[in-house]
Amino acid sequence: MSRNSRRRYFARRQGRITRQNARNLAEQINQLKSELSDEREATMTWKRRFNRARTEVSLVRAREKYLKKKVNQLIEFNNEETSICWNLREEISRLNREIERLEGNCNNRGWTSE
């Protein structure tokens, strides 16, 4: 056994790291770092997409809330307008009845309406 092979043999038995093992471990560490970096980038890309989507959802919900409020205001306004129209119709009907009553009184007395 050569001197180097004995050194590696005893280093292996004692659990020490040889130069070749150190190179292999360094390569593995660099590869894992690269994979981790890729994973981090993918995660950040995913987080950015997620946050952008969440922001868009928030904007859509806010717009939906605004539109619902506007629709409710229009319904309320329409109900008020309908109520006013009904009140005006009732008032017109009441005035027409009053006119007919007054015309009837005039006709009973022999007066003629113009």
PDB file of N, CA and C in Angstrom:
ATOM      1  N   MET A   1       0.844  -1.165   0.000  1.00  0.00           N
ATOM      2  CA  MET A   1       0.000   0.000   0.000  1.00  0.00           C
ATOM      3  C   MET A   1       0.896   1.236   0.000  1.00  0.00           C
ATOM      4  N   SER A   2       0.563   2.174  -0.893  1.00  0.00           N
ATOM      5  CA  SER A   2       1.363   3.400  -0.950  1.00  0.00           C
ATOM      6  C   SER A   2       1.045   4.282   0.245  1.00  0.00           C
ATOM      7  N   ARG A   3       1.837   5.246   0.380  1.00  0.00           N
ATOM      8  CA  ARG A   3       1.669   6.144   1.524  1.00  0.00           C
ATOM      9  C   ARG A   3       0.320   6.869   1.470  1.00  0.00           C
ATOM     10  N   ASN A   4      -0.038   7.369   0.275  1.00  0.00           N
ATOM     11  CA  ASN A   4      -1.310   8.092   0.124  1.00  0.00           C
ATOM     12  C   ASN A   4      -2.508   7.170   0.336  1.00  0.00           C
ATOM     13  N   SER A   5      -2.417   5.963  -0.200  1.00  0.00           N
ATOM     14  CA  SER A   5      -3.551   5.056  -0.025  1.00  0.00           C
ATOM     15  C   SER A   5      -3.711   4.671   1.437  1.00  0.00           C
ATOM     16  N   ARG A   6      -2.579   4.486   2.147  1.00  0.00           N
ATOM     17  CA  ARG A   6      -2.675   4.211   3.584  1.00  0.00           C
ATOM     18  C   ARG A   6      -3.300   5.391   4.317  1.00  0.00           C
ATOM     19  N   ARG A   7      -2.882   6.574   3.928  1.00  0.00           N
ATOM     20  CA  ARG A   7      -3.414   7.774   4.566  1.00  0.00           C
ATOM     21  C   ARG A   7      -4.943   7.834   4.360  1.00  0.00           C
ATOM     22  N   ARG A   8      -5.381   7.575   3.122  1.00  0.00           N
ATOM     23  CA  ARG A   8      -6.824   7.595   2.845  1.00  0.00           C
ATOM     24  C   ARG A   8      -7.545   6.489   3.607  1.00  0.00           C
ATOM     25  N   TYR A   9      -6.899   5.322   3.656  1.00  0.00           N
ATOM     26  CA  TYR A   9      -7.506   4.193   4.359  1.00  0.00           C
ATOM     27  C   TYR A   9      -7.729   4.527   5.830  1.00  0.00           C
ATOM     28  N   PHE A  10      -6.687   5.010   6.487  1.00  0.00           N
ATOM     29  CA  PHE A  10      -6.830   5.341   7.909  1.00  0.00           C
ATOM     30  C   PHE A  10      -7.757   6.543   8.116  1.00  0.00           C
ATOM     31  N   ALA A  11      -7.729   7.461   7.171  1.00  0.00           N
ATOM     32  CA  ALA A  11      -8.627   8.633   7.278  1.00  0.00           C
ATOM     33  C   ALA A  11     -10.081   8.176   7.192  1.00  0.00           C
ATOM     34  N   ARG A  12     -10.325   7.229   6.271  1.00  0.00           N
ATOM     35  CA  ARG A  12     -11.688   6.701   6.144  1.00  0.00           C
ATOM     36  C   ARG A  12     -12.097   5.981   7.408  1.00  0.00           C
ATOM     37  N   ARG A  13     -11.179   5.165   7.931  1.00  0.00           N
ATOM     38  CA  ARG A  13     -11.502   4.412   9.152  1.00  0.00           C
ATOM     39  C   ARG A  13     -11.769   5.342  10.320  1.00  0.00           C
ATOM     40  N   GLN A  14     -11.048   6.434  10.401  1.00  0.00           N
ATOM     41  CA  GLN A  14     -11.211   7.350  11.521  1.00  0.00           C
ATOM     42  C   GLN A  14     -12.308   8.378  11.260  1.00  0.00           C
ATOM     43  N   GLY A  15     -12.887   8.375  10.066  1.00  0.00           N
ATOM     44  CA  GLY A  15     -13.976   9.295   9.765  1.00  0.00           C
ATOM     45  C   GLY A  15     -13.509  10.676   9.371  1.00  0.00           C
ATOM     46  N   ARG A  16     -12.208  10.816   9.089  1.00  0.00           N
ATOM     47  CA  ARG A  16     -11.717  12.113   8.648  1.00  0.00           C
ATOM     48  C   ARG A  16     -12.012  12.304   7.166  1.00  0.00           C
ATOM     49  N   ILE A  17     -12.002  13.542   6.745  1.00  0.00           N
ATOM     50  CA  ILE A  17     -12.305  13.858   5.350  1.00  0.00           C
ATOM     51  C   ILE A  17     -10.995  13.993   4.576  1.00  0.00           C
ATOM     52  N   THR A  18     -10.895  13.294   3.461  1.00  0.00           N
ATOM     53  CA  THR A  18      -9.714  13.413   2.602  1.00  0.00           C
ATOM     54  C   THR A  18      -9.939  14.543   1.607  1.00  0.00           C
ATOM     55  N   ARG A  19      -8.892  14.866   0.838  1.00  0.00           N
ATOM     56  CA  ARG A  19      -9.023  15.946  -0.154  1.00  0.00           C
ATOM     57  C   ARG A  19     -10.086  15.608  -1.194  1.00  0.00           C
ATOM     58  N   GLN A  20     -10.069  14.367  -1.662  1.00  0.00           N
ATOM     59  CA  GLN A  20     -11.046  13.966  -2.677  1.00  0.00           C
ATOM     60  C   GLN A  20     -12.459  14.019  -2.102  1.00  0.00           C
ATOM     61  N   ASN A  21     -12.601  13.523  -0.870  1.00  0.00           N
ATOM     62  CA  ASN A  21     -13.921  13.594  -0.228  1.00  0.00           C
ATOM     63  C   ASN A  21     -14.348  15.045  -0.057  1.00  0.00           C
ATOM     64  N   ALA A  22     -13.381  15.893   0.297  1.00  0.00           N
ATOM     65  CA  ALA A  22     -13.700  17.311   0.467  1.00  0.00           C
ATOM     66  C   ALA A  22     -14.156  17.912  -0.854  1.00  0.00           C
ATOM     67  N   ARG A  23     -13.473  17.550  -1.962  1.00  0.00           N
ATOM     68  CA  ARG A  23     -13.893  18.054  -3.285  1.00  0.00           C
ATOM     69  C   ARG A  23     -15.295  17.562  -3.626  1.00  0.00           C
ATOM     70  N   ASN A  24     -15.515  16.264  -3.388  1.00  0.00           N
ATOM     71  CA  ASN A  24     -16.845  15.710  -3.677  1.00  0.00           C
ATOM     72  C   ASN A  24     -17.923  16.405  -2.843  1.00  0.00           C
ATOM     73  N   LEU A  25     -17.617  16.588  -1.563  1.00  0.00           N
ATOM     74  CA  LEU A  25     -18.586  17.261  -0.691  1.00  0.00           C
ATOM     75  C   LEU A  25     -18.812  18.706  -1.129  1.00  0.00           C
ATOM     76  N   ALA A  26     -17.734  19.385  -1.533  1.00  0.00           N
ATOM     77  CA  ALA A  26     -17.870  20.770  -2.000  1.00  0.00           C
ATOM     78  C   ALA A  26     -18.750  20.825  -3.246  1.00  0.00           C
ATOM     79  N   GLU A  27     -18.547  19.874  -4.165  1.00  0.00           N
ATOM     80  CA  GLU A  27     -19.390  19.825  -5.368  1.00  0.00           C
ATOM     81  C   GLU A  27     -20.853  19.575  -5.000  1.00  0.00           C
ATOM     82  N   GLN A  28     -21.066  18.640  -4.082  1.00  0.00           N
ATOM     83  CA  GLN A  28     -22.440  18.355  -3.646  1.00  0.00           C
ATOM     84  C   GLN A  28     -23.064  19.577  -2.977  1.00  0.00           C
ATOM     85  N   ILE A  29     -22.262  20.256  -2.139  1.00  0.00           N
ATOM     86  CA  ILE A  29     -22.774  21.456  -1.461  1.00  0.00           C
ATOM     87  C   ILE A  29     -23.135  22.526  -2.484  1.00  0.00           C
ATOM     88  N   ASN A  30     -22.249  22.743  -3.465  1.00  0.00           N
ATOM     89  CA  ASN A  30     -22.534  23.747  -4.502  1.00  0.00           C
ATOM     90  C   ASN A  30     -23.775  23.377  -5.309  1.00  0.00           C
ATOM     91  N   GLN A  31     -23.914  22.094  -5.614  1.00  0.00           N
ATOM     92  CA  GLN A  31     -25.095  21.644  -6.354  1.00  0.00           C
ATOM     93  C   GLN A  31     -26.363  21.871  -5.528  1.00  0.00           C
ATOM     94  N   LEU A  32     -26.300  21.536  -4.242  1.00  0.00           N
ATOM     95  CA  LEU A  32     -27.458  21.748  -3.367  1.00  0.00           C
ATOM     96  C   LEU A  32     -27.777  23.235  -3.222  1.00  0.00           C
ATOM     97  N   LYS A  33     -26.722  24.074  -3.126  1.00  0.00           N
ATOM     98  CA  LYS A  33     -26.941  25.521  -3.056  1.00  0.00           C
ATOM     99  C   LYS A  33     -27.634  26.022  -4.316  1.00  0.00           C
ATOM    100  N   SER A  34     -27.172  25.503  -5.466  1.00  0.00           N
ATOM    101  CA  SER A  34     -27.782  25.893  -6.740  1.00  0.00           C
ATOM    102  C   SER A  34     -29.254  25.479  -6.783  1.00  0.00           C
ATOM    103  N   GLU A  35     -29.529  24.236  -6.364  1.00  0.00           N
ATOM    104  CA  GLU A  35     -30.917  23.762  -6.332  1.00  0.00           C
ATOM    105  C   GLU A  35     -31.754  24.593  -5.367  1.00  0.00           C
ATOM    106  N   LEU A  36     -31.157  24.910  -4.213  1.00  0.00           N
ATOM    107  CA  LEU A  36     -31.866  25.728  -3.228  1.00  0.00           C
ATOM    108  C   LEU A  36     -32.163  27.112  -3.787  1.00  0.00           C
ATOM    109  N   SER A  37     -31.179  27.679  -4.483  1.00  0.00           N
ATOM    110  CA  SER A  37     -31.374  28.992  -5.098  1.00  0.00           C
ATOM    111  C   SER A  37     -32.507  28.934  -6.127  1.00  0.00           C
ATOM    112  N   ASP A  38     -32.509  27.863  -6.947  1.00  0.00           N
ATOM    113  CA  ASP A  38     -33.587  27.689  -7.925  1.00  0.00           C
ATOM    114  C   ASP A  38     -34.934  27.564  -7.229  1.00  0.00           C
ATOM    115  N   GLU A  39     -34.965  26.796  -6.138  1.00  0.00           N
ATOM    116  CA  GLU A  39     -36.209  26.628  -5.379  1.00  0.00           C
ATOM    117  C   GLU A  39     -36.671  27.955  -4.786  1.00  0.00           C
ATOM    118  N   ARG A  40     -35.706  28.719  -4.252  1.00  0.00           N
ATOM    119  CA  ARG A  40     -36.061  30.028  -3.684  1.00  0.00           C
ATOM    120  C   ARG A  40     -36.635  30.941  -4.753  1.00  0.00           C
ATOM    121  N   GLU A  41     -35.984  30.945  -5.924  1.00  0.00           N
ATOM    122  CA  GLU A  41     -36.472  31.787  -7.022  1.00  0.00           C
ATOM    123  C   GLU A  41     -37.870  31.351  -7.445  1.00  0.00           C
ATOM    124  N   ALA A  42     -38.069  30.036  -7.548  1.00  0.00           N
ATOM    125  CA  ALA A  42     -39.396  29.525  -7.903  1.00  0.00           C
ATOM    126  C   ALA A  42     -40.411  29.909  -6.837  1.00  0.00           C
ATOM    127  N   THR A  43     -40.003  29.810  -5.567  1.00  0.00           N
ATOM    128  CA  THR A  43     -40.903  30.179  -4.469  1.00  0.00           C
ATOM    129  C   THR A  43     -41.232  31.658  -4.522  1.00  0.00           C
ATOM    130  N   MET A  44     -40.217  32.496  -4.770  1.00  0.00           N
ATOM    131  CA  MET A  44     -40.460  33.938  -4.843  1.00  0.00           C
ATOM    132  C   MET A  44     -41.368  34.267  -6.024  1.00  0.00           C
ATOM    133  N   THR A  45     -41.131  33.591  -7.154  1.00  0.00           N
ATOM    134  CA  THR A  45     -41.999  33.802  -8.313  1.00  0.00           C
ATOM    135  C   THR A  45     -43.426  33.413  -7.959  1.00  0.00           C
ATOM    136  N   TRP A  46     -43.568  32.262  -7.294  1.00  0.00           N
ATOM    137  CA  TRP A  46     -44.898  31.818  -6.883  1.00  0.00           C
ATOM    138  C   TRP A  46     -45.517  32.826  -5.930  1.00  0.00           C
ATOM    139  N   LYS A  47     -44.732  33.325  -4.948  1.00  0.00           N
ATOM    140  CA  LYS A  47     -45.255  34.293  -3.978  1.00  0.00           C
ATOM    141  C   LYS A  47     -45.679  35.579  -4.674  1.00  0.00           C
ATOM    142  N   ARG A  48     -44.859  36.034  -5.636  1.00  0.00           N
ATOM    143  CA  ARG A  48     -45.224  37.248  -6.379  1.00  0.00           C
ATOM    144  C   ARG A  48     -46.538  37.042  -7.120  1.00  0.00           C
ATOM    145  N   ARG A  49     -46.650  35.899  -7.799  1.00  0.00           N
ATOM    146  CA  ARG A  49     -47.899  35.612  -8.523  1.00  0.00           C
ATOM    147  C   ARG A  49     -49.077  35.538  -7.561  1.00  0.00           C
ATOM    148  N   PHE A  50     -48.852  34.878  -6.427  1.00  0.00           N
ATOM    149  CA  PHE A  50     -49.914  34.740  -5.435  1.00  0.00           C
ATOM    150  C   PHE A  50     -50.338  36.107  -4.907  1.00  0.00           C
ATOM    151  N   ASN A  51     -49.349  36.938  -4.548  1.00  0.00           N
ATOM    152  CA  ASN A  51     -49.672  38.269  -4.024  1.00  0.00           C
ATOM    153  C   ASN A  51     -50.362  39.130  -5.075  1.00  0.00           C
ATOM    154  N   ARG A  52     -49.923  39.022  -6.329  1.00  0.00           N
ATOM    155  CA  ARG A  52     -50.569  39.774  -7.404  1.00  0.00           C
ATOM    156  C   ARG A  52     -52.017  39.310  -7.565  1.00  0.00           C
ATOM    157  N   ALA A  53     -52.217  37.999  -7.545  1.00  0.00           N
ATOM    158  CA  ALA A  53     -53.577  37.466  -7.663  1.00  0.00           C
ATOM    159  C   ALA A  53     -54.423  37.898  -6.473  1.00  0.00           C
ATOM    160  N   ARG A  54     -53.836  37.873  -5.270  1.00  0.00           N
ATOM    161  CA  ARG A  54     -54.576  38.283  -4.078  1.00  0.00           C
ATOM    162  C   ARG A  54     -54.956  39.765  -4.175  1.00  0.00           C
ATOM    163  N   THR A  55     -54.040  40.586  -4.688  1.00  0.00           N
ATOM    164  CA  THR A  55     -54.335  42.007  -4.876  1.00  0.00           C
ATOM    165  C   THR A  55     -55.462  42.188  -5.882  1.00  0.00           C
ATOM    166  N   GLU A  56     -55.408  41.435  -6.987  1.00  0.00           N
ATOM    167  CA  GLU A  56     -56.466  41.535  -7.993  1.00  0.00           C
ATOM    168  C   GLU A  56     -57.806  41.103  -7.413  1.00  0.00           C
ATOM    169  N   VAL A  57     -57.801  40.047  -6.608  1.00  0.00           N
ATOM    170  CA  VAL A  57     -59.038  39.591  -5.963  1.00  0.00           C
ATOM    171  C   VAL A  57     -59.573  40.675  -5.042  1.00  0.00           C
ATOM    172  N   SER A  58     -58.677  41.319  -4.289  1.00  0.00           N
ATOM    173  CA  SER A  58     -59.105  42.398  -3.390  1.00  0.00           C
ATOM    174  C   SER A  58     -59.726  43.541  -4.182  1.00  0.00           C
ATOM    175  N   LEU A  59     -59.104  43.880  -5.307  1.00  0.00           N
ATOM    176  CA  LEU A  59     -59.646  44.957  -6.139  1.00  0.00           C
ATOM    177  C   LEU A  59     -61.018  44.584  -6.700  1.00  0.00           C
ATOM    178  N   VAL A  60     -61.147  43.335  -7.133  1.00  0.00           N
ATOM    179  CA  VAL A  60     -62.435  42.885  -7.671  1.00  0.00           C
ATOM    180  C   VAL A  60     -63.500  42.909  -6.580  1.00  0.00           C
ATOM    181  N   ARG A  61     -63.138  42.457  -5.374  1.00  0.00           N
ATOM    182  CA  ARG A  61     -64.103  42.472  -4.265  1.00  0.00           C
ATOM    183  C   ARG A  61     -64.502  43.894  -3.908  1.00  0.00           C
ATOM    184  N   ALA A  62     -63.529  44.809  -3.898  1.00  0.00           N
ATOM    185  CA  ALA A  62     -63.841  46.209  -3.596  1.00  0.00           C
ATOM    186  C   ALA A  62     -64.763  46.782  -4.666  1.00  0.00           C
ATOM    187  N   ARG A  63     -64.488  46.467  -5.925  1.00  0.00           N
ATOM    188  CA  ARG A  63     -65.340  46.945  -7.033  1.00  0.00           C
ATOM    189  C   ARG A  63     -66.745  46.356  -6.903  1.00  0.00           C
ATOM    190  N   GLU A  64     -66.820  45.067  -6.568  1.00  0.00           N
ATOM    191  CA  GLU A  64     -68.115  44.413  -6.390  1.00  0.00           C
ATOM    192  C   GLU A  64     -68.897  45.083  -5.259  1.00  0.00           C
ATOM    193  N   LYS A  65     -68.226  45.372  -4.154  1.00  0.00           N
ATOM    194  CA  LYS A  65     -68.870  46.031  -3.017  1.00  0.00           C
ATOM    195  C   LYS A  65     -69.383  47.411  -3.427  1.00  0.00           C
ATOM    196  N   TYR A  66     -68.551  48.154  -4.170  1.00  0.00           N
ATOM    197  CA  TYR A  66     -68.940  49.481  -4.642  1.00  0.00           C
ATOM    198  C   TYR A  66     -70.169  49.391  -5.551  1.00  0.00           C
ATOM    199  N   LEU A  67     -70.140  48.430  -6.485  1.00  0.00           N
ATOM    200  CA  LEU A  67     -71.264  48.285  -7.416  1.00  0.00           C
ATOM    201  C   LEU A  67     -72.538  47.862  -6.692  1.00  0.00           C
ATOM    202  N   LYS A  68     -72.419  46.969  -5.699  1.00  0.00           N
ATOM    203  CA  LYS A  68     -73.598  46.574  -4.920  1.00  0.00           C
ATOM    204  C   LYS A  68     -74.191  47.779  -4.207  1.00  0.00           C
ATOM    205  N   LYS A  69     -73.308  48.612  -3.647  1.00  0.00           N
ATOM    206  CA  LYS A  69     -73.770  49.814  -2.953  1.00  0.00           C
ATOM    207  C   LYS A  69     -74.505  50.731  -3.929  1.00  0.00           C
ATOM    208  N   LYS A  70     -73.933  50.915  -5.126  1.00  0.00           N
ATOM    209  CA  LYS A  70     -74.573  51.769  -6.136  1.00  0.00           C
ATOM    210  C   LYS A  70     -75.924  51.187  -6.559  1.00  0.00           C
ATOM    211  N   VAL A  71     -75.970  49.867  -6.756  1.00  0.00           N
ATOM    212  CA  VAL A  71     -77.236  49.225  -7.139  1.00  0.00           C
ATOM    213  C   VAL A  71     -78.279  49.442  -6.052  1.00  0.00           C
ATOM    214  N   ASN A  72     -77.879  49.263  -4.789  1.00  0.00           N
ATOM    215  CA  ASN A  72     -78.824  49.478  -3.687  1.00  0.00           C
ATOM    216  C   ASN A  72     -79.293  50.925  -3.635  1.00  0.00           C
ATOM    217  N   GLN A  73     -78.377  51.870  -3.909  1.00  0.00           N
ATOM    218  CA  GLN A  73     -78.772  53.277  -3.943  1.00  0.00           C
ATOM    219  C   GLN A  73     -79.773  53.527  -5.064  1.00  0.00           C
ATOM    220  N   LEU A  74     -79.523  52.918  -6.229  1.00  0.00           N
ATOM    221  CA  LEU A  74     -80.448  53.095  -7.354  1.00  0.00           C
ATOM    222  C   LEU A  74     -81.804  52.467  -7.055  1.00  0.00           C
ATOM    223  N   ILE A  75     -81.794  51.304  -6.414  1.00  0.00           N
ATOM    224  CA  ILE A  75     -83.061  50.661  -6.045  1.00  0.00           C
ATOM    225  C   ILE A  75     -83.817  51.546  -5.070  1.00  0.00           C
ATOM    226  N   GLU A  76     -83.089  52.079  -4.081  1.00  0.00           N
ATOM    227  CA  GLU A  76     -83.721  52.959  -3.100  1.00  0.00           C
ATOM    228  C   GLU A  76     -84.267  54.212  -3.783  1.00  0.00           C
ATOM    229  N   PHE A  77     -83.468  54.793  -4.682  1.00  0.00           N
ATOM    230  CA  PHE A  77     -83.908  55.979  -5.423  1.00  0.00           C
ATOM    231  C   PHE A  77     -85.139  55.652  -6.255  1.00  0.00           C
ATOM    232  N   ASN A  78     -85.109  54.488  -6.925  1.00  0.00           N
ATOM    233  CA  ASN A  78     -86.242  54.068  -7.742  1.00  0.00           C
ATOM    234  C   ASN A  78     -87.483  53.883  -6.878  1.00  0.00           C
ATOM    235  N   ASN A  79     -87.305  53.291  -5.693  1.00  0.00           N
ATOM    236  CA  ASN A  79     -88.440  53.113  -4.783  1.00  0.00           C
ATOM    237  C   ASN A  79     -89.003  54.457  -4.353  1.00  0.00           C
ATOM    238  N   GLU A  80     -88.099  55.420  -4.066  1.00  0.00           N
ATOM    239  CA  GLU A  80     -88.558  56.754  -3.689  1.00  0.00           C
ATOM    240  C   GLU A  80     -89.303  57.409  -4.844  1.00  0.00           C
ATOM    241  N   GLU A  81     -88.742  57.277  -6.060  1.00  0.00           N
ATOM    242  CA  GLU A  81     -89.393  57.855  -7.241  1.00  0.00           C
ATOM    243  C   GLU A  81     -90.752  57.199  -7.470  1.00  0.00           C
ATOM    244  N   THR A  82     -90.805  55.886  -7.319  1.00  0.00           N
ATOM    245  CA  THR A  82     -92.075  55.172  -7.482  1.00  0.00           C
ATOM    246  C   THR A  82     -93.071  55.648  -6.438  1.00  0.00           C
ATOM    247  N   SER A  83     -92.598  55.818  -5.215  1.00  0.00           N
ATOM    248  CA  SER A  83     -93.463  56.304  -4.142  1.00  0.00           C
ATOM    249  C   SER A  83     -93.982  57.703  -4.464  1.00  0.00           C
ATOM    250  N   ILE A  84     -93.095  58.562  -4.949  1.00  0.00           N
ATOM    251  CA  ILE A  84     -93.512  59.921  -5.326  1.00  0.00           C
ATOM    252  C   ILE A  84     -94.535  59.864  -6.450  1.00  0.00           C
ATOM    253  N   CYS A  85     -94.293  58.997  -7.440  1.00  0.00           N
ATOM    254  CA  CYS A  85     -95.241  58.859  -8.558  1.00  0.00           C
ATOM    255  C   CYS A  85     -96.605  58.397  -8.054  1.00  0.00           C
ATOM    256  N   TRP A  86     -96.598  57.407  -7.149  1.00  0.00           N
ATOM    257  CA  TRP A  86     -97.878  56.938  -6.609  1.00  0.00           C
ATOM    258  C   TRP A  86     -98.574  58.053  -5.838  1.00  0.00           C
ATOM    259  N   ASN A  87     -97.812  58.807  -5.059  1.00  0.00           N
ATOM    260  CA  ASN A  87     -98.402  59.927  -4.316  1.00  0.00           C
ATOM    261  C   ASN A  87     -98.990  60.958  -5.270  1.00  0.00           C
ATOM    262  N   LEU A  88     -98.263  61.242  -6.365  1.00  0.00           N
ATOM    263  CA  LEU A  88     -98.782  62.200  -7.352  1.00  0.00           C
ATOM    264  C   LEU A  88    -100.039  61.658  -8.028  1.00  0.00           C
ATOM    265  N   ARG A  89    -100.050  60.384  -8.351  1.00  0.00           N
ATOM    266  CA  ARG A  89    -101.248  59.783  -8.961  1.00  0.00           C
ATOM    267  C   ARG A  89    -102.441  59.874  -8.012  1.00  0.00           C
ATOM    268  N   GLU A  90    -102.181  59.576  -6.737  1.00  0.00           N
ATOM    269  CA  GLU A  90    -103.267  59.677  -5.749  1.00  0.00           C
ATOM    270  C   GLU A  90    -103.761  61.113  -5.637  1.00  0.00           C
ATOM    271  N   GLU A  91    -102.827  62.060  -5.642  1.00  0.00           N
ATOM    272  CA  GLU A  91    -103.202  63.474  -5.558  1.00  0.00           C
ATOM    273  C   GLU A  91    -103.998  63.888  -6.795  1.00  0.00           C
ATOM    274  N   ILE A  92    -103.566  63.435  -7.981  1.00  0.00           N
ATOM    275  CA  ILE A  92    -104.301  63.743  -9.221  1.00  0.00           C
ATOM    276  C   ILE A  92    -105.696  63.139  -9.167  1.00  0.00           C
ATOM    277  N   SER A  93    -105.789  61.884  -8.709  1.00  0.00           N
ATOM    278  CA  SER A  93    -107.106  61.242  -8.591  1.00  0.00           C
ATOM    279  C   SER A  93    -107.986  62.012  -7.619  1.00  0.00           C
ATOM    280  N   ARG A  94    -107.403  62.418  -6.490  1.00  0.00           N
ATOM    281  CA  ARG A  94    -108.173  63.179  -5.502  1.00  0.00           C
ATOM    282  C   ARG A  94    -108.644  64.501  -6.100  1.00  0.00           C
ATOM    283  N   LEU A  95    -107.747  65.179  -6.828  1.00  0.00           N
ATOM    284  CA  LEU A  95    -108.123  66.455  -7.455  1.00  0.00           C
ATOM    285  C   LEU A  95    -109.189  66.241  -8.529  1.00  0.00           C
ATOM    286  N   ASN A  96    -109.082  65.161  -9.306  1.00  0.00           N
ATOM    287  CA  ASN A  96    -110.104  64.866 -10.321  1.00  0.00           C
ATOM    288  C   ASN A  96    -111.460  64.610  -9.663  1.00  0.00           C
ATOM    289  N   ARG A  97    -111.445  63.873  -8.547  1.00  0.00           N
ATOM    290  CA  ARG A  97    -112.709  63.641  -7.832  1.00  0.00           C
ATOM    291  C   ARG A  97    -113.277  64.959  -7.316  1.00  0.00           C
ATOM    292  N   GLU A  98    -112.400  65.815  -6.816  1.00  0.00           N
ATOM    293  CA  GLU A  98    -112.838  67.124  -6.314  1.00  0.00           C
ATOM    294  C   GLU A  98    -113.424  67.960  -7.449  1.00  0.00           C
ATOM    295  N   ILE A  99    -112.761  67.923  -8.625  1.00  0.00           N
ATOM    296  CA  ILE A  99    -113.278  68.662  -9.794  1.00  0.00           C
ATOM    297  C   ILE A  99    -114.645  68.129 -10.186  1.00  0.00           C
ATOM    298  N   GLU A 100    -114.772  66.792 -10.251  1.00  0.00           N
ATOM    299  CA  GLU A 100    -116.070  66.201 -10.604  1.00  0.00           C
ATOM    300  C   GLU A 100    -117.139  66.591  -9.587  1.00  0.00           C
ATOM    301  N   ARG A 101    -116.788  66.589  -8.316  1.00  0.00           N
ATOM    302  CA  ARG A 101    -117.742  66.972  -7.274  1.00  0.00           C
ATOM    303  C   ARG A 101    -118.165  68.427  -7.448  1.00  0.00           C
ATOM    304  N   LEU A 102    -117.159  69.284  -7.702  1.00  0.00           N
ATOM    305  CA  LEU A 102    -117.485  70.704  -7.878  1.00  0.00           C
ATOM    306  C   LEU A 102    -118.315  70.928  -9.137  1.00  0.00           C
ATOM    307  N   GLU A 103    -117.970  70.198 -10.221  1.00  0.00           N
ATOM    308  CA  GLU A 103    -118.764  70.321 -11.447  1.00  0.00           C
ATOM    309  C   GLU A 103    -120.187  69.832 -11.205  1.00  0.00           C
ATOM    310  N   GLY A 104    -120.292  68.747 -10.432  1.00  0.00           N
ATOM    311  CA  GLY A 104    -121.633  68.241 -10.099  1.00  0.00           C
ATOM    312  C   GLY A 104    -122.420  69.281  -9.317  1.00  0.00           C
ATOM    313  N   ASN A 105    -121.771  69.958  -8.387  1.00  0.00           N
ATOM    314  CA  ASN A 105    -122.444  71.009  -7.618  1.00  0.00           C
ATOM    315  C   ASN A 105    -122.890  72.141  -8.527  1.00  0.00           C
ATOM    316  N   CYS A 106    -122.002  72.501  -9.474  1.00  0.00           N
ATOM    317  CA  CYS A 106    -122.342  73.594 -10.393  1.00  0.00           C
ATOM    318  C   CYS A 106    -123.524  73.195 -11.269  1.00  0.00           C
ATOM    319  N   ASN A 107    -123.525  71.968 -11.764  1.00  0.00           N
ATOM    320  CA  ASN A 107    -124.610  71.508 -12.627  1.00  0.00           C
ATOM    321  C   ASN A 107    -125.921  71.440 -11.850  1.00  0.00           C
ATOM    322  N   ASN A 108    -125.852  71.061 -10.598  1.00  0.00           N
ATOM    323  CA  ASN A 108    -127.059  70.986  -9.776  1.00  0.00           C
ATOM    324  C   ASN A 108    -127.652  72.369  -9.562  1.00  0.00           C
ATOM    325  N   ARG A 109    -126.838  73.384  -9.553  1.00  0.00           N
ATOM    326  CA  ARG A 109    -127.316  74.747  -9.335  1.00  0.00           C
ATOM    327  C   ARG A 109    -127.653  75.435 -10.644  1.00  0.00           C
ATOM    328  N   GLY A 110    -127.382  74.741 -11.757  1.00  0.00           N
ATOM    329  CA  GLY A 110    -127.704  75.328 -13.045  1.00  0.00           C
ATOM    330  C   GLY A 110    -126.570  76.142 -13.631  1.00  0.00           C
ATOM    331  N   TRP A 111    -125.419  76.091 -13.012  1.00  0.00           N
ATOM    332  CA  TRP A 111    -124.272  76.803 -13.576  1.00  0.00           C
ATOM    333  C   TRP A 111    -123.601  75.896 -14.599  1.00  0.00           C
ATOM    334  N   THR A 112    -122.990  76.453 -15.575  1.00  0.00           N
ATOM    335  CA  THR A 112    -122.289  75.650 -16.582  1.00  0.00           C
ATOM    336  C   THR A 112    -120.794  75.900 -16.451  1.00  0.00           C
ATOM    337  N   SER A 113    -120.044  74.878 -16.689  1.00  0.00           N
ATOM    338  CA  SER A 113    -118.580  75.036 -16.625  1.00  0.00           C
ATOM    339  C   SER A 113    -118.055  75.383 -18.005  1.00  0.00           C
ATOM    340  N   GLU A 114    -116.992  76.094 -18.039  1.00  0.00           N
ATOM    341  CA  GLU A 114    -116.435  76.516 -19.322  1.00  0.00           C
ATOM    342  C   GLU A 114    -115.683  75.392 -19.982  1.00  0.00           C
TER     343      GLU A 114
END
